[in-house]
Amino acid sequence: MAVLGNPKNTIEILQKYNFNFQKKFGQNFLINTGVLEDIIDAAEVTDEDMVLEIGPGIGTMTQYLCENARQVIAVEIDTNLIPILKDTLSAYDNVRIINDDILKVDINELAREYNNGRPIKVVANLPYYITTPIIMGLFESHVPIESITVMVQKEVADRMQAGPGTKDYGALSLAVQYYSKPQIVVNVPPSCFMPQPKVGSTVISLRRHQQPVVQVEDEKLMFKVIRASFNQRRKTLANGLNNYGGINLTKEQIQQSIEELGVPVNIRGEALSLEQFACLSNIIGKKLVK
């Protein structure tokens, strides 16, 4: 039975092992059963699923996952937490604990071994300092993923689902929306964690697109164009592309490409939609080939 969502039980296990929170790992353990249930519901975890949990901590959410999923793989970087996890998860025979950095784990191999290569579900309470590298790493490595349901810093969640012309819109918004459909599940105040973080958090669901939502000929080039467009946010799209070292076109060719897109040449990158960025990168790609 999952018991660690209760603050009293969390304190008891921490004291039992004399555990000290590690700032370098961004450790904030969830102590709210309602939020835990919201995460499980949003992830739509069933007894047919393999779930990859990143940063299980002391096993609070892992217990909930084990009671709902067929198989749970829990990847924890902090060696000091492994004895605690072996204790708190001892009642479950459908969990494997891996002591490693998630960025170094071969998730494709885990999906083959435990899920016959079929898409897996990712669930995590992510450390704020490494949220973006983890999420983008999962998407860009083309690991078979059905969905990612994660707790992140509220402002990061806002950026993930922001649209063109808003202050939160940027390269992260476009990358996440290219690969998935983001949806805010619930906002979570600092009081739901131990220790309490200084900022609010949000649970967001990223459901992987089964088919590409835009037609782009060179995915890497599109993201290069996107990065260049937001590299100097206050500058025009043309200046951003011209000043970025990785796009080998003349200033005139860049302006011509923007005109071919059918938008004003003095437009800013933040005004373009994902579809427009895909079209622009296709236009630029043809010029680069020549």
C-alpha atoms as a PDB file:
ATOM      1  CA  MET A   1       0.000   0.000   0.000  1.00  0.00           C
ATOM      2  CA  ALA A   2       1.250   3.472  -0.944  1.00  0.00           C
ATOM      3  CA  VAL A   3       1.932   5.326   2.314  1.00  0.00           C
ATOM      4  CA  LEU A   4       4.630   7.907   1.571  1.00  0.00           C
ATOM      5  CA  GLY A   5       2.256  10.647   0.397  1.00  0.00           C
ATOM      6  CA  ASN A   6       1.653  11.252   4.104  1.00  0.00           C
ATOM      7  CA  PRO A   7       4.146  13.829   5.518  1.00  0.00           C
ATOM      8  CA  LYS A   8       4.450  11.885   8.804  1.00  0.00           C
ATOM      9  CA  ASN A   9       5.531   8.712   7.010  1.00  0.00           C
ATOM     10  CA  THR A  10       7.952  10.669   4.827  1.00  0.00           C
ATOM     11  CA  ILE A  11       9.625  12.210   7.889  1.00  0.00           C
ATOM     12  CA  GLU A  12       9.870   8.794   9.549  1.00  0.00           C
ATOM     13  CA  ILE A  13      11.695   7.209   6.608  1.00  0.00           C
ATOM     14  CA  LEU A  14      14.043  10.191   6.237  1.00  0.00           C
ATOM     15  CA  GLN A  15      14.910  10.014   9.940  1.00  0.00           C
ATOM     16  CA  LYS A  16      15.334   6.234   9.822  1.00  0.00           C
ATOM     17  CA  TYR A  17      18.075   6.607   7.222  1.00  0.00           C
ATOM     18  CA  ASN A  18      19.379   9.944   8.516  1.00  0.00           C
ATOM     19  CA  PHE A  19      18.912  11.319   5.000  1.00  0.00           C
ATOM     20  CA  ASN A  20      20.188  14.785   4.097  1.00  0.00           C
ATOM     21  CA  PHE A  21      18.707  16.597   1.101  1.00  0.00           C
ATOM     22  CA  GLN A  22      21.184  17.261  -1.697  1.00  0.00           C
ATOM     23  CA  LYS A  23      20.834  20.724  -3.219  1.00  0.00           C
ATOM     24  CA  LYS A  24      22.884  19.708  -6.261  1.00  0.00           C
ATOM     25  CA  PHE A  25      20.199  17.159  -7.181  1.00  0.00           C
ATOM     26  CA  GLY A  26      17.306  19.597  -6.674  1.00  0.00           C
ATOM     27  CA  GLN A  27      15.519  17.282  -4.242  1.00  0.00           C
ATOM     28  CA  ASN A  28      11.982  18.270  -3.215  1.00  0.00           C
ATOM     29  CA  PHE A  29       9.806  15.308  -2.207  1.00  0.00           C
ATOM     30  CA  LEU A  30       6.061  15.433  -2.840  1.00  0.00           C
ATOM     31  CA  ILE A  31       3.898  15.077   0.289  1.00  0.00           C
ATOM     32  CA  ASN A  32       0.359  15.524  -1.041  1.00  0.00           C
ATOM     33  CA  THR A  33      -1.746  12.465  -1.872  1.00  0.00           C
ATOM     34  CA  GLY A  34      -4.211  14.485  -3.966  1.00  0.00           C
ATOM     35  CA  VAL A  35      -1.471  15.686  -6.311  1.00  0.00           C
ATOM     36  CA  LEU A  36      -0.025  12.160  -6.530  1.00  0.00           C
ATOM     37  CA  GLU A  37      -3.428  10.838  -7.601  1.00  0.00           C
ATOM     38  CA  ASP A  38      -3.759  13.688 -10.136  1.00  0.00           C
ATOM     39  CA  ILE A  39      -0.427  12.666 -11.692  1.00  0.00           C
ATOM     40  CA  ILE A  40      -1.397   8.985 -11.957  1.00  0.00           C
ATOM     41  CA  ASP A  41      -4.782   9.931 -13.477  1.00  0.00           C
ATOM     42  CA  ALA A  42      -3.213  12.361 -15.975  1.00  0.00           C
ATOM     43  CA  ALA A  43      -0.640   9.767 -17.044  1.00  0.00           C
ATOM     44  CA  GLU A  44      -3.478   7.256 -17.552  1.00  0.00           C
ATOM     45  CA  VAL A  45      -1.342   4.480 -16.104  1.00  0.00           C
ATOM     46  CA  THR A  46      -2.877   1.010 -16.568  1.00  0.00           C
ATOM     47  CA  ASP A  47      -1.829  -2.541 -15.693  1.00  0.00           C
ATOM     48  CA  GLU A  48      -0.597  -2.968 -19.291  1.00  0.00           C
ATOM     49  CA  ASP A  49       1.907  -0.101 -19.106  1.00  0.00           C
ATOM     50  CA  MET A  50       5.633   0.115 -18.588  1.00  0.00           C
ATOM     51  CA  VAL A  51       6.411   3.359 -16.783  1.00  0.00           C
ATOM     52  CA  LEU A  52       9.799   5.042 -16.576  1.00  0.00           C
ATOM     53  CA  GLU A  53      10.097   7.203 -13.474  1.00  0.00           C
ATOM     54  CA  ILE A  54      12.916   9.742 -13.385  1.00  0.00           C
ATOM     55  CA  GLY A  55      14.133  10.747  -9.934  1.00  0.00           C
ATOM     56  CA  PRO A  56      11.952   8.591  -7.652  1.00  0.00           C
ATOM     57  CA  GLY A  57      13.485  10.080  -4.476  1.00  0.00           C
ATOM     58  CA  ILE A  58      12.337   7.944  -1.544  1.00  0.00           C
ATOM     59  CA  GLY A  59       9.713   6.173  -3.674  1.00  0.00           C
ATOM     60  CA  THR A  60       6.635   8.276  -2.904  1.00  0.00           C
ATOM     61  CA  MET A  61       5.208   8.318  -6.430  1.00  0.00           C
ATOM     62  CA  THR A  62       6.873   5.003  -7.266  1.00  0.00           C
ATOM     63  CA  GLN A  63       4.554   3.228  -4.826  1.00  0.00           C
ATOM     64  CA  TYR A  64       1.529   4.684  -6.624  1.00  0.00           C
ATOM     65  CA  LEU A  65       2.991   3.705 -10.009  1.00  0.00           C
ATOM     66  CA  CYS A  66       3.708   0.146  -8.865  1.00  0.00           C
ATOM     67  CA  GLU A  67       0.094  -0.262  -7.785  1.00  0.00           C
ATOM     68  CA  ASN A  68      -1.185   0.837 -11.200  1.00  0.00           C
ATOM     69  CA  ALA A  69       1.404  -0.193 -13.821  1.00  0.00           C
ATOM     70  CA  ARG A  70       2.596  -3.590 -15.080  1.00  0.00           C
ATOM     71  CA  GLN A  71       6.269  -2.596 -14.838  1.00  0.00           C
ATOM     72  CA  VAL A  72       8.065   0.410 -13.322  1.00  0.00           C
ATOM     73  CA  ILE A  73      11.671   1.364 -14.016  1.00  0.00           C
ATOM     74  CA  ALA A  74      12.869   3.946 -11.467  1.00  0.00           C
ATOM     75  CA  VAL A  75      16.101   5.780 -12.341  1.00  0.00           C
ATOM     76  CA  GLU A  76      17.717   7.596  -9.397  1.00  0.00           C
ATOM     77  CA  ILE A  77      21.058   9.444  -9.592  1.00  0.00           C
ATOM     78  CA  ASP A  78      21.597   9.802  -5.809  1.00  0.00           C
ATOM     79  CA  THR A  79      23.352   6.687  -4.460  1.00  0.00           C
ATOM     80  CA  ASN A  80      22.244   7.589  -0.910  1.00  0.00           C
ATOM     81  CA  LEU A  81      18.617   7.034  -1.891  1.00  0.00           C
ATOM     82  CA  ILE A  82      19.056   3.487  -3.220  1.00  0.00           C
ATOM     83  CA  PRO A  83      18.863   1.727   0.224  1.00  0.00           C
ATOM     84  CA  ILE A  84      15.752   3.779   1.034  1.00  0.00           C
ATOM     85  CA  LEU A  85      14.113   2.832  -2.279  1.00  0.00           C
ATOM     86  CA  LYS A  86      14.877  -0.842  -1.717  1.00  0.00           C
ATOM     87  CA  ASP A  87      13.110  -0.515   1.643  1.00  0.00           C
ATOM     88  CA  THR A  88      10.068   1.522   0.581  1.00  0.00           C
ATOM     89  CA  LEU A  89       9.520  -0.567  -2.569  1.00  0.00           C
ATOM     90  CA  SER A  90      10.225  -3.985  -1.005  1.00  0.00           C
ATOM     91  CA  ALA A  91       6.552  -4.976  -1.190  1.00  0.00           C
ATOM     92  CA  TYR A  92       6.459  -4.650  -5.002  1.00  0.00           C
ATOM     93  CA  ASP A  93       7.804  -7.186  -7.487  1.00  0.00           C
ATOM     94  CA  ASN A  94       7.153  -5.071 -10.595  1.00  0.00           C
ATOM     95  CA  VAL A  95       9.828  -2.410 -10.075  1.00  0.00           C
ATOM     96  CA  ARG A  96      13.477  -2.191 -11.094  1.00  0.00           C
ATOM     97  CA  ILE A  97      15.665   0.466  -9.462  1.00  0.00           C
ATOM     98  CA  ILE A  98      18.561   1.844 -11.524  1.00  0.00           C
ATOM     99  CA  ASN A  99      21.219   4.019  -9.867  1.00  0.00           C
ATOM    100  CA  ASP A 100      22.329   6.217 -12.776  1.00  0.00           C
ATOM    101  CA  ASP A 101      22.027   9.563 -14.549  1.00  0.00           C
ATOM    102  CA  ILE A 102      18.917   9.434 -16.766  1.00  0.00           C
ATOM    103  CA  LEU A 103      20.837  11.241 -19.529  1.00  0.00           C
ATOM    104  CA  LYS A 104      23.195   8.229 -19.716  1.00  0.00           C
ATOM    105  CA  VAL A 105      20.586   5.460 -19.574  1.00  0.00           C
ATOM    106  CA  ASP A 106      19.735   3.488 -22.738  1.00  0.00           C
ATOM    107  CA  ILE A 107      15.966   3.883 -22.609  1.00  0.00           C
ATOM    108  CA  ASN A 108      15.516   2.157 -25.977  1.00  0.00           C
ATOM    109  CA  GLU A 109      17.104  -0.961 -24.496  1.00  0.00           C
ATOM    110  CA  LEU A 110      14.812  -0.798 -21.446  1.00  0.00           C
ATOM    111  CA  ALA A 111      11.769  -0.467 -23.723  1.00  0.00           C
ATOM    112  CA  ARG A 112      12.912  -3.526 -25.687  1.00  0.00           C
ATOM    113  CA  GLU A 113      13.599  -5.572 -22.559  1.00  0.00           C
ATOM    114  CA  TYR A 114      10.491  -4.706 -20.564  1.00  0.00           C
ATOM    115  CA  ASN A 115       7.927  -3.583 -23.161  1.00  0.00           C
ATOM    116  CA  ASN A 116       8.796  -5.418 -26.402  1.00  0.00           C
ATOM    117  CA  GLY A 117       9.897  -2.089 -27.884  1.00  0.00           C
ATOM    118  CA  ARG A 118       6.414  -0.601 -27.573  1.00  0.00           C
ATOM    119  CA  PRO A 119       5.934   3.032 -26.460  1.00  0.00           C
ATOM    120  CA  ILE A 120       6.392   3.629 -22.742  1.00  0.00           C
ATOM    121  CA  LYS A 121       5.008   6.259 -20.375  1.00  0.00           C
ATOM    122  CA  VAL A 122       7.339   8.612 -18.527  1.00  0.00           C
ATOM    123  CA  VAL A 123       6.349  10.051 -15.145  1.00  0.00           C
ATOM    124  CA  ALA A 124       8.583  12.301 -13.052  1.00  0.00           C
ATOM    125  CA  ASN A 125       8.947  14.995 -10.436  1.00  0.00           C
ATOM    126  CA  LEU A 126      11.832  16.673 -12.260  1.00  0.00           C
ATOM    127  CA  PRO A 127      14.608  18.715 -10.653  1.00  0.00           C
ATOM    128  CA  TYR A 128      14.227  22.266 -11.937  1.00  0.00           C
ATOM    129  CA  TYR A 129      17.860  22.650 -12.986  1.00  0.00           C
ATOM    130  CA  ILE A 130      17.745  19.815 -15.517  1.00  0.00           C
ATOM    131  CA  THR A 131      14.112  19.779 -16.703  1.00  0.00           C
ATOM    132  CA  THR A 132      14.715  20.967 -20.271  1.00  0.00           C
ATOM    133  CA  PRO A 133      17.726  18.706 -21.046  1.00  0.00           C
ATOM    134  CA  ILE A 134      15.791  15.658 -19.828  1.00  0.00           C
ATOM    135  CA  ILE A 135      12.598  16.376 -21.773  1.00  0.00           C
ATOM    136  CA  MET A 136      14.397  17.369 -24.964  1.00  0.00           C
ATOM    137  CA  GLY A 137      16.723  14.389 -24.608  1.00  0.00           C
ATOM    138  CA  LEU A 138      13.723  12.054 -24.473  1.00  0.00           C
ATOM    139  CA  PHE A 139      12.134  13.615 -27.562  1.00  0.00           C
ATOM    140  CA  GLU A 140      15.235  14.136 -29.696  1.00  0.00           C
ATOM    141  CA  SER A 141      16.601  10.628 -29.141  1.00  0.00           C
ATOM    142  CA  HIS A 142      13.328   9.260 -30.583  1.00  0.00           C
ATOM    143  CA  VAL A 143      12.806   6.891 -27.679  1.00  0.00           C
ATOM    144  CA  PRO A 144       9.443   5.071 -28.052  1.00  0.00           C
ATOM    145  CA  ILE A 145       7.298   7.245 -25.777  1.00  0.00           C
ATOM    146  CA  GLU A 146       3.530   7.506 -25.560  1.00  0.00           C
ATOM    147  CA  SER A 147       3.428  10.344 -23.033  1.00  0.00           C
ATOM    148  CA  ILE A 148       5.481  12.310 -20.526  1.00  0.00           C
ATOM    149  CA  THR A 149       3.700  13.473 -17.361  1.00  0.00           C
ATOM    150  CA  VAL A 150       5.984  15.627 -15.246  1.00  0.00           C
ATOM    151  CA  MET A 151       6.117  18.026 -12.336  1.00  0.00           C
ATOM    152  CA  VAL A 152       8.127  21.089 -13.378  1.00  0.00           C
ATOM    153  CA  GLN A 153       8.637  24.680 -12.309  1.00  0.00           C
ATOM    154  CA  LYS A 154       5.454  26.627 -13.136  1.00  0.00           C
ATOM    155  CA  GLU A 155       7.179  29.099 -15.444  1.00  0.00           C
ATOM    156  CA  VAL A 156       8.670  26.219 -17.469  1.00  0.00           C
ATOM    157  CA  ALA A 157       5.218  24.639 -17.877  1.00  0.00           C
ATOM    158  CA  ASP A 158       3.865  28.021 -19.015  1.00  0.00           C
ATOM    159  CA  ARG A 159       6.611  28.222 -21.638  1.00  0.00           C
ATOM    160  CA  MET A 160       5.927  24.704 -22.896  1.00  0.00           C
ATOM    161  CA  GLN A 161       2.329  25.461 -23.818  1.00  0.00           C
ATOM    162  CA  ALA A 162       2.675  29.148 -24.817  1.00  0.00           C
ATOM    163  CA  GLY A 163       1.565  30.357 -28.255  1.00  0.00           C
ATOM    164  CA  PRO A 164       2.993  32.922 -30.720  1.00  0.00           C
ATOM    165  CA  GLY A 165       3.118  36.536 -29.593  1.00  0.00           C
ATOM    166  CA  THR A 166       3.117  35.810 -25.852  1.00  0.00           C
ATOM    167  CA  LYS A 167       5.964  36.592 -23.438  1.00  0.00           C
ATOM    168  CA  ASP A 168       6.457  32.902 -22.564  1.00  0.00           C
ATOM    169  CA  TYR A 169       6.684  31.764 -26.194  1.00  0.00           C
ATOM    170  CA  GLY A 170      10.108  30.644 -27.338  1.00  0.00           C
ATOM    171  CA  ALA A 171      12.325  27.807 -28.533  1.00  0.00           C
ATOM    172  CA  LEU A 172      11.141  25.456 -25.752  1.00  0.00           C
ATOM    173  CA  SER A 173       7.471  26.066 -26.656  1.00  0.00           C
ATOM    174  CA  LEU A 174       8.126  25.194 -30.290  1.00  0.00           C
ATOM    175  CA  ALA A 175      10.223  22.117 -29.529  1.00  0.00           C
ATOM    176  CA  VAL A 176       7.714  20.647 -27.079  1.00  0.00           C
ATOM    177  CA  GLN A 177       4.763  21.385 -29.386  1.00  0.00           C
ATOM    178  CA  TYR A 178       6.567  19.887 -32.393  1.00  0.00           C
ATOM    179  CA  TYR A 179       6.857  16.554 -30.596  1.00  0.00           C
ATOM    180  CA  SER A 180       3.772  16.554 -28.366  1.00  0.00           C
ATOM    181  CA  LYS A 181       0.514  18.120 -27.227  1.00  0.00           C
ATOM    182  CA  PRO A 182       1.142  19.876 -23.887  1.00  0.00           C
ATOM    183  CA  GLN A 183      -1.671  20.193 -21.358  1.00  0.00           C
ATOM    184  CA  ILE A 184      -1.535  21.691 -17.869  1.00  0.00           C
ATOM    185  CA  VAL A 185      -2.891  19.216 -15.299  1.00  0.00           C
ATOM    186  CA  VAL A 186      -2.661  21.054 -11.985  1.00  0.00           C
ATOM    187  CA  ASN A 187      -0.687  23.855 -10.337  1.00  0.00           C
ATOM    188  CA  VAL A 188       1.075  22.781  -7.149  1.00  0.00           C
ATOM    189  CA  PRO A 189       2.054  25.214  -4.336  1.00  0.00           C
ATOM    190  CA  PRO A 190       5.396  24.950  -2.461  1.00  0.00           C
ATOM    191  CA  SER A 191       3.588  23.623   0.636  1.00  0.00           C
ATOM    192  CA  CYS A 192       3.085  20.275  -1.131  1.00  0.00           C
ATOM    193  CA  PHE A 193       6.818  19.517  -0.976  1.00  0.00           C
ATOM    194  CA  MET A 194       9.483  18.702   1.567  1.00  0.00           C
ATOM    195  CA  PRO A 195      11.580  20.802   1.697  1.00  0.00           C
ATOM    196  CA  GLN A 196       9.467  23.598   0.243  1.00  0.00           C
ATOM    197  CA  PRO A 197      10.837  25.093  -3.000  1.00  0.00           C
ATOM    198  CA  LYS A 198      10.866  28.868  -3.440  1.00  0.00           C
ATOM    199  CA  VAL A 199       8.642  28.772  -6.538  1.00  0.00           C
ATOM    200  CA  GLY A 200       5.361  27.188  -7.601  1.00  0.00           C
ATOM    201  CA  SER A 201       5.227  23.968  -9.593  1.00  0.00           C
ATOM    202  CA  THR A 202       2.949  22.559 -12.271  1.00  0.00           C
ATOM    203  CA  VAL A 203       2.105  19.075 -13.459  1.00  0.00           C
ATOM    204  CA  ILE A 204       2.035  19.040 -17.265  1.00  0.00           C
ATOM    205  CA  SER A 205       1.127  16.212 -19.622  1.00  0.00           C
ATOM    206  CA  LEU A 206       2.982  15.931 -22.939  1.00  0.00           C
ATOM    207  CA  ARG A 207       1.205  13.450 -25.200  1.00  0.00           C
ATOM    208  CA  ARG A 208       3.450  12.417 -28.081  1.00  0.00           C
ATOM    209  CA  HIS A 209       2.130  13.149 -31.589  1.00  0.00           C
ATOM    210  CA  GLN A 210       1.593   9.943 -33.556  1.00  0.00           C
ATOM    211  CA  GLN A 211       2.099  11.822 -36.815  1.00  0.00           C
ATOM    212  CA  PRO A 212       4.154  15.010 -37.421  1.00  0.00           C
ATOM    213  CA  VAL A 213       1.986  18.112 -36.994  1.00  0.00           C
ATOM    214  CA  VAL A 214       4.044  20.055 -39.562  1.00  0.00           C
ATOM    215  CA  GLN A 215       5.837  19.003 -42.730  1.00  0.00           C
ATOM    216  CA  VAL A 216       9.524  19.801 -42.403  1.00  0.00           C
ATOM    217  CA  GLU A 217      12.276  18.470 -44.657  1.00  0.00           C
ATOM    218  CA  ASP A 218      15.174  18.922 -42.225  1.00  0.00           C
ATOM    219  CA  GLU A 219      14.279  18.756 -38.527  1.00  0.00           C
ATOM    220  CA  LYS A 220      17.754  19.812 -37.382  1.00  0.00           C
ATOM    221  CA  LEU A 221      17.746  22.846 -39.673  1.00  0.00           C
ATOM    222  CA  MET A 222      14.316  23.900 -38.381  1.00  0.00           C
ATOM    223  CA  PHE A 223      15.548  23.898 -34.778  1.00  0.00           C
ATOM    224  CA  LYS A 224      18.651  25.801 -35.844  1.00  0.00           C
ATOM    225  CA  VAL A 225      16.369  28.439 -37.419  1.00  0.00           C
ATOM    226  CA  ILE A 226      14.232  28.519 -34.255  1.00  0.00           C
ATOM    227  CA  ARG A 227      17.266  28.946 -31.963  1.00  0.00           C
ATOM    228  CA  ALA A 228      18.610  31.723 -34.202  1.00  0.00           C
ATOM    229  CA  SER A 229      15.227  33.483 -34.135  1.00  0.00           C
ATOM    230  CA  PHE A 230      15.087  33.599 -30.338  1.00  0.00           C
ATOM    231  CA  ASN A 231      18.804  34.015 -29.676  1.00  0.00           C
ATOM    232  CA  GLN A 232      18.391  37.787 -29.684  1.00  0.00           C
ATOM    233  CA  ARG A 233      14.735  38.105 -28.818  1.00  0.00           C
ATOM    234  CA  ARG A 234      14.424  41.870 -29.317  1.00  0.00           C
ATOM    235  CA  LYS A 235      15.910  41.787 -32.796  1.00  0.00           C
ATOM    236  CA  THR A 236      13.972  41.112 -35.984  1.00  0.00           C
ATOM    237  CA  LEU A 237      13.824  37.598 -37.383  1.00  0.00           C
ATOM    238  CA  ALA A 238      16.109  38.674 -40.249  1.00  0.00           C
ATOM    239  CA  ASN A 239      18.767  40.046 -37.902  1.00  0.00           C
ATOM    240  CA  GLY A 240      18.558  37.009 -35.647  1.00  0.00           C
ATOM    241  CA  LEU A 241      19.138  34.645 -38.573  1.00  0.00           C
ATOM    242  CA  ASN A 242      21.868  36.851 -40.017  1.00  0.00           C
ATOM    243  CA  ASN A 243      23.775  37.128 -36.711  1.00  0.00           C
ATOM    244  CA  TYR A 244      23.576  33.397 -35.947  1.00  0.00           C
ATOM    245  CA  GLY A 245      26.721  31.614 -37.081  1.00  0.00           C
ATOM    246  CA  GLY A 246      25.136  28.374 -38.238  1.00  0.00           C
ATOM    247  CA  ILE A 247      23.034  29.512 -41.215  1.00  0.00           C
ATOM    248  CA  ASN A 248      25.204  30.104 -44.267  1.00  0.00           C
ATOM    249  CA  LEU A 249      23.077  32.524 -46.254  1.00  0.00           C
ATOM    250  CA  THR A 250      23.692  36.148 -47.168  1.00  0.00           C
ATOM    251  CA  LYS A 251      21.607  38.884 -45.601  1.00  0.00           C
ATOM    252  CA  GLU A 252      19.791  39.280 -48.924  1.00  0.00           C
ATOM    253  CA  GLN A 253      19.018  35.549 -49.119  1.00  0.00           C
ATOM    254  CA  ILE A 254      17.648  35.603 -45.574  1.00  0.00           C
ATOM    255  CA  GLN A 255      15.390  38.571 -46.354  1.00  0.00           C
ATOM    256  CA  GLN A 256      14.259  36.886 -49.551  1.00  0.00           C
ATOM    257  CA  SER A 257      13.402  33.718 -47.600  1.00  0.00           C
ATOM    258  CA  ILE A 258      11.253  35.692 -45.141  1.00  0.00           C
ATOM    259  CA  GLU A 259       9.467  37.432 -48.035  1.00  0.00           C
ATOM    260  CA  GLU A 260       8.790  34.023 -49.641  1.00  0.00           C
ATOM    261  CA  LEU A 261       7.163  32.968 -46.371  1.00  0.00           C
ATOM    262  CA  GLY A 262       4.668  35.786 -46.940  1.00  0.00           C
ATOM    263  CA  VAL A 263       5.354  37.827 -43.800  1.00  0.00           C
ATOM    264  CA  PRO A 264       6.853  41.324 -43.321  1.00  0.00           C
ATOM    265  CA  VAL A 265      10.654  41.302 -43.546  1.00  0.00           C
ATOM    266  CA  ASN A 266      10.865  43.183 -40.219  1.00  0.00           C
ATOM    267  CA  ILE A 267       8.813  40.577 -38.309  1.00  0.00           C
ATOM    268  CA  ARG A 268      10.165  39.123 -35.043  1.00  0.00           C
ATOM    269  CA  GLY A 269      10.614  35.406 -34.493  1.00  0.00           C
ATOM    270  CA  GLU A 270       8.139  35.355 -31.613  1.00  0.00           C
ATOM    271  CA  ALA A 271       5.322  36.144 -34.069  1.00  0.00           C
ATOM    272  CA  LEU A 272       5.803  32.979 -36.148  1.00  0.00           C
ATOM    273  CA  SER A 273       3.859  29.769 -35.561  1.00  0.00           C
ATOM    274  CA  LEU A 274       5.407  26.303 -35.610  1.00  0.00           C
ATOM    275  CA  GLU A 275       4.001  25.763 -39.103  1.00  0.00           C
ATOM    276  CA  GLN A 276       5.609  29.004 -40.314  1.00  0.00           C
ATOM    277  CA  PHE A 277       8.972  28.007 -38.847  1.00  0.00           C
ATOM    278  CA  ALA A 278       8.708  24.667 -40.670  1.00  0.00           C
ATOM    279  CA  CYS A 279       7.916  26.460 -43.953  1.00  0.00           C
ATOM    280  CA  LEU A 280      10.759  28.948 -43.427  1.00  0.00           C
ATOM    281  CA  SER A 281      13.286  26.189 -42.757  1.00  0.00           C
ATOM    282  CA  ASN A 282      12.123  24.383 -45.939  1.00  0.00           C
ATOM    283  CA  ILE A 283      12.652  27.617 -47.916  1.00  0.00           C
ATOM    284  CA  ILE A 284      16.087  28.156 -46.366  1.00  0.00           C
ATOM    285  CA  GLY A 285      16.996  24.511 -46.943  1.00  0.00           C
ATOM    286  CA  LYS A 286      16.446  24.830 -50.692  1.00  0.00           C
ATOM    287  CA  LYS A 287      18.746  27.857 -50.805  1.00  0.00           C
ATOM    288  CA  LEU A 288      21.439  26.063 -48.816  1.00  0.00           C
ATOM    289  CA  VAL A 289      21.384  23.157 -51.285  1.00  0.00           C
ATOM    290  CA  LYS A 290      22.118  25.538 -54.131  1.00  0.00           C
END
